[in-house]
């Protein structure tokens, strides 16, 4: 097993597709589609990395800040996935929230795996 990944995204189709891809690549994958449960799940699972959608019913930025402030999750790398925010416009905000890397949807499977490996 390459590591435990928590994916937080309200797009259930995306969760299914990315989960299958990462599981085939040897990762242990856990998913959360309810942003309100993201921090609780991260504390419980203690994943090696978190893939976090930024545009959900609760802002992914808010979730990232919460994760970066908790002793049990502040060390976990966060890779943001977004179809709305751009790297250029939001780089400072993402860095301030503890986000190490970000991908723009739709990201190719190779981009997702590369981002995970770079963030670990």
C-alpha atoms as a PDB file:
ATOM      1  CA  UNK A   1       0.000   0.000   0.000  1.00  0.00           C
ATOM      2  CA  UNK A   2       1.329   3.439  -0.978  1.00  0.00           C
ATOM      3  CA  UNK A   3      -0.562   5.385   1.670  1.00  0.00           C
ATOM      4  CA  UNK A   4      -3.948   6.401   3.008  1.00  0.00           C
ATOM      5  CA  UNK A   5      -5.778   9.181   1.171  1.00  0.00           C
ATOM      6  CA  UNK A   6      -8.884  11.081   2.253  1.00  0.00           C
ATOM      7  CA  UNK A   7     -10.803  12.682  -0.623  1.00  0.00           C
ATOM      8  CA  UNK A   8     -13.299  15.411   0.243  1.00  0.00           C
ATOM      9  CA  UNK A   9     -15.598  16.401  -2.623  1.00  0.00           C
ATOM     10  CA  UNK A  10     -19.350  16.836  -2.980  1.00  0.00           C
ATOM     11  CA  UNK A  11     -19.282  15.442  -6.538  1.00  0.00           C
ATOM     12  CA  UNK A  12     -20.032  11.762  -5.945  1.00  0.00           C
ATOM     13  CA  UNK A  13     -19.211  10.769  -9.523  1.00  0.00           C
ATOM     14  CA  UNK A  14     -15.785  12.364  -9.200  1.00  0.00           C
ATOM     15  CA  UNK A  15     -15.264  10.603  -5.854  1.00  0.00           C
ATOM     16  CA  UNK A  16     -16.053   7.247  -7.426  1.00  0.00           C
ATOM     17  CA  UNK A  17     -13.775   7.792 -10.425  1.00  0.00           C
ATOM     18  CA  UNK A  18     -10.794   9.128  -8.485  1.00  0.00           C
ATOM     19  CA  UNK A  19     -11.188   6.435  -5.808  1.00  0.00           C
ATOM     20  CA  UNK A  20     -11.008   3.666  -8.393  1.00  0.00           C
ATOM     21  CA  UNK A  21      -7.955   5.252  -9.987  1.00  0.00           C
ATOM     22  CA  UNK A  22      -6.076   5.635  -6.715  1.00  0.00           C
ATOM     23  CA  UNK A  23      -7.043   2.198  -5.401  1.00  0.00           C
ATOM     24  CA  UNK A  24      -5.739   0.676  -8.643  1.00  0.00           C
ATOM     25  CA  UNK A  25      -2.516   2.590  -7.983  1.00  0.00           C
ATOM     26  CA  UNK A  26      -2.106   0.936  -4.589  1.00  0.00           C
ATOM     27  CA  UNK A  27      -3.550   3.601  -2.289  1.00  0.00           C
ATOM     28  CA  UNK A  28      -6.013   3.060   0.558  1.00  0.00           C
ATOM     29  CA  UNK A  29      -8.801   5.518  -0.243  1.00  0.00           C
ATOM     30  CA  UNK A  30     -11.483   7.012   1.990  1.00  0.00           C
ATOM     31  CA  UNK A  31     -14.046   9.526   0.761  1.00  0.00           C
ATOM     32  CA  UNK A  32     -16.269  12.179   2.297  1.00  0.00           C
ATOM     33  CA  UNK A  33     -18.985  13.876   0.260  1.00  0.00           C
ATOM     34  CA  UNK A  34     -20.321  15.997   3.133  1.00  0.00           C
ATOM     35  CA  UNK A  35     -17.914  18.881   3.751  1.00  0.00           C
ATOM     36  CA  UNK A  36     -19.291  19.266   7.283  1.00  0.00           C
ATOM     37  CA  UNK A  37     -17.744  15.879   8.151  1.00  0.00           C
ATOM     38  CA  UNK A  38     -14.339  16.463   6.551  1.00  0.00           C
ATOM     39  CA  UNK A  39     -12.417  17.594   9.631  1.00  0.00           C
ATOM     40  CA  UNK A  40     -13.935  14.887  11.830  1.00  0.00           C
ATOM     41  CA  UNK A  41     -13.025  12.180   9.285  1.00  0.00           C
ATOM     42  CA  UNK A  42      -9.492  13.516   8.899  1.00  0.00           C
ATOM     43  CA  UNK A  43      -8.992  13.411  12.668  1.00  0.00           C
ATOM     44  CA  UNK A  44     -10.355   9.870  12.831  1.00  0.00           C
ATOM     45  CA  UNK A  45      -8.523   8.437   9.791  1.00  0.00           C
ATOM     46  CA  UNK A  46      -5.246  10.361  10.058  1.00  0.00           C
ATOM     47  CA  UNK A  47      -4.589  10.019   6.307  1.00  0.00           C
ATOM     48  CA  UNK A  48      -1.203  10.522   4.708  1.00  0.00           C
ATOM     49  CA  UNK A  49      -2.682  13.120   2.359  1.00  0.00           C
ATOM     50  CA  UNK A  50      -5.991  14.919   1.792  1.00  0.00           C
ATOM     51  CA  UNK A  51      -7.443  15.763  -1.620  1.00  0.00           C
ATOM     52  CA  UNK A  52      -9.833  18.638  -0.967  1.00  0.00           C
ATOM     53  CA  UNK A  53     -12.366  20.261  -3.276  1.00  0.00           C
ATOM     54  CA  UNK A  54     -12.476  24.002  -2.645  1.00  0.00           C
ATOM     55  CA  UNK A  55     -16.018  24.709  -3.862  1.00  0.00           C
ATOM     56  CA  UNK A  56     -18.557  22.885  -1.669  1.00  0.00           C
ATOM     57  CA  UNK A  57     -21.397  23.760   0.705  1.00  0.00           C
ATOM     58  CA  UNK A  58     -18.645  24.559   3.236  1.00  0.00           C
ATOM     59  CA  UNK A  59     -15.653  26.312   1.695  1.00  0.00           C
ATOM     60  CA  UNK A  60     -12.651  24.088   1.160  1.00  0.00           C
ATOM     61  CA  UNK A  61     -10.546  27.048   2.275  1.00  0.00           C
ATOM     62  CA  UNK A  62     -12.319  26.990   5.647  1.00  0.00           C
ATOM     63  CA  UNK A  63     -11.773  23.240   5.959  1.00  0.00           C
ATOM     64  CA  UNK A  64      -8.074  23.628   5.091  1.00  0.00           C
ATOM     65  CA  UNK A  65      -7.665  26.303   7.773  1.00  0.00           C
ATOM     66  CA  UNK A  66      -9.347  24.090  10.367  1.00  0.00           C
ATOM     67  CA  UNK A  67      -7.138  21.149   9.417  1.00  0.00           C
ATOM     68  CA  UNK A  68      -3.976  23.263   9.591  1.00  0.00           C
ATOM     69  CA  UNK A  69      -4.874  24.474  13.096  1.00  0.00           C
ATOM     70  CA  UNK A  70      -5.441  21.073  14.700  1.00  0.00           C
ATOM     71  CA  UNK A  71      -2.498  19.229  16.229  1.00  0.00           C
ATOM     72  CA  UNK A  72      -3.689  15.869  14.873  1.00  0.00           C
ATOM     73  CA  UNK A  73      -4.062  17.081  11.259  1.00  0.00           C
ATOM     74  CA  UNK A  74      -1.733  20.068  10.754  1.00  0.00           C
ATOM     75  CA  UNK A  75       1.062  17.818   9.434  1.00  0.00           C
ATOM     76  CA  UNK A  76      -1.141  16.213   6.743  1.00  0.00           C
ATOM     77  CA  UNK A  77      -0.433  17.570   3.240  1.00  0.00           C
ATOM     78  CA  UNK A  78      -3.467  19.013   1.451  1.00  0.00           C
ATOM     79  CA  UNK A  79      -3.858  18.951  -2.317  1.00  0.00           C
ATOM     80  CA  UNK A  80      -6.703  21.202  -3.457  1.00  0.00           C
ATOM     81  CA  UNK A  81      -8.850  20.227  -6.418  1.00  0.00           C
ATOM     82  CA  UNK A  82     -10.923  22.933  -8.029  1.00  0.00           C
ATOM     83  CA  UNK A  83     -12.803  23.738 -11.164  1.00  0.00           C
ATOM     84  CA  UNK A  84     -13.428  27.328 -10.083  1.00  0.00           C
ATOM     85  CA  UNK A  85     -10.389  28.897  -8.451  1.00  0.00           C
ATOM     86  CA  UNK A  86      -7.201  29.485 -10.384  1.00  0.00           C
ATOM     87  CA  UNK A  87      -3.687  29.072  -9.077  1.00  0.00           C
ATOM     88  CA  UNK A  88      -2.626  32.533 -10.145  1.00  0.00           C
ATOM     89  CA  UNK A  89      -5.541  34.331  -8.483  1.00  0.00           C
ATOM     90  CA  UNK A  90      -5.615  32.306  -5.271  1.00  0.00           C
ATOM     91  CA  UNK A  91      -2.018  31.185  -4.678  1.00  0.00           C
ATOM     92  CA  UNK A  92      -1.514  33.343  -1.557  1.00  0.00           C
ATOM     93  CA  UNK A  93      -4.831  32.292  -0.042  1.00  0.00           C
ATOM     94  CA  UNK A  94      -4.136  28.616  -0.716  1.00  0.00           C
ATOM     95  CA  UNK A  95      -0.674  28.859   0.839  1.00  0.00           C
ATOM     96  CA  UNK A  96      -2.074  30.688   3.871  1.00  0.00           C
ATOM     97  CA  UNK A  97      -4.627  27.896   4.334  1.00  0.00           C
ATOM     98  CA  UNK A  98      -1.941  25.203   4.359  1.00  0.00           C
ATOM     99  CA  UNK A  99      -2.593  23.917   0.851  1.00  0.00           C
ATOM    100  CA  UNK A 100       0.658  22.605  -0.613  1.00  0.00           C
ATOM    101  CA  UNK A 101      -0.484  21.832  -4.154  1.00  0.00           C
ATOM    102  CA  UNK A 102      -3.574  22.334  -6.301  1.00  0.00           C
ATOM    103  CA  UNK A 103      -5.088  20.811  -9.394  1.00  0.00           C
ATOM    104  CA  UNK A 104      -7.574  22.279 -11.808  1.00  0.00           C
ATOM    105  CA  UNK A 105     -10.542  20.061 -12.726  1.00  0.00           C
ATOM    106  CA  UNK A 106     -10.703  18.096 -14.835  1.00  0.00           C
ATOM    107  CA  UNK A 107      -7.290  16.769 -13.871  1.00  0.00           C
ATOM    108  CA  UNK A 108      -5.852  13.781 -15.658  1.00  0.00           C
ATOM    109  CA  UNK A 109      -5.138  10.633 -13.639  1.00  0.00           C
ATOM    110  CA  UNK A 110      -1.405  11.201 -14.080  1.00  0.00           C
ATOM    111  CA  UNK A 111      -1.701  14.772 -12.746  1.00  0.00           C
ATOM    112  CA  UNK A 112      -3.556  13.541  -9.653  1.00  0.00           C
ATOM    113  CA  UNK A 113      -1.000  10.830  -8.893  1.00  0.00           C
ATOM    114  CA  UNK A 114       1.910  13.215  -9.518  1.00  0.00           C
ATOM    115  CA  UNK A 115       0.400  15.808  -7.161  1.00  0.00           C
ATOM    116  CA  UNK A 116      -0.073  13.189  -4.436  1.00  0.00           C
ATOM    117  CA  UNK A 117       3.483  11.929  -4.783  1.00  0.00           C
ATOM    118  CA  UNK A 118       4.914  15.465  -4.772  1.00  0.00           C
ATOM    119  CA  UNK A 119       2.929  16.462  -1.675  1.00  0.00           C
ATOM    120  CA  UNK A 120       3.906  13.439   0.426  1.00  0.00           C
END
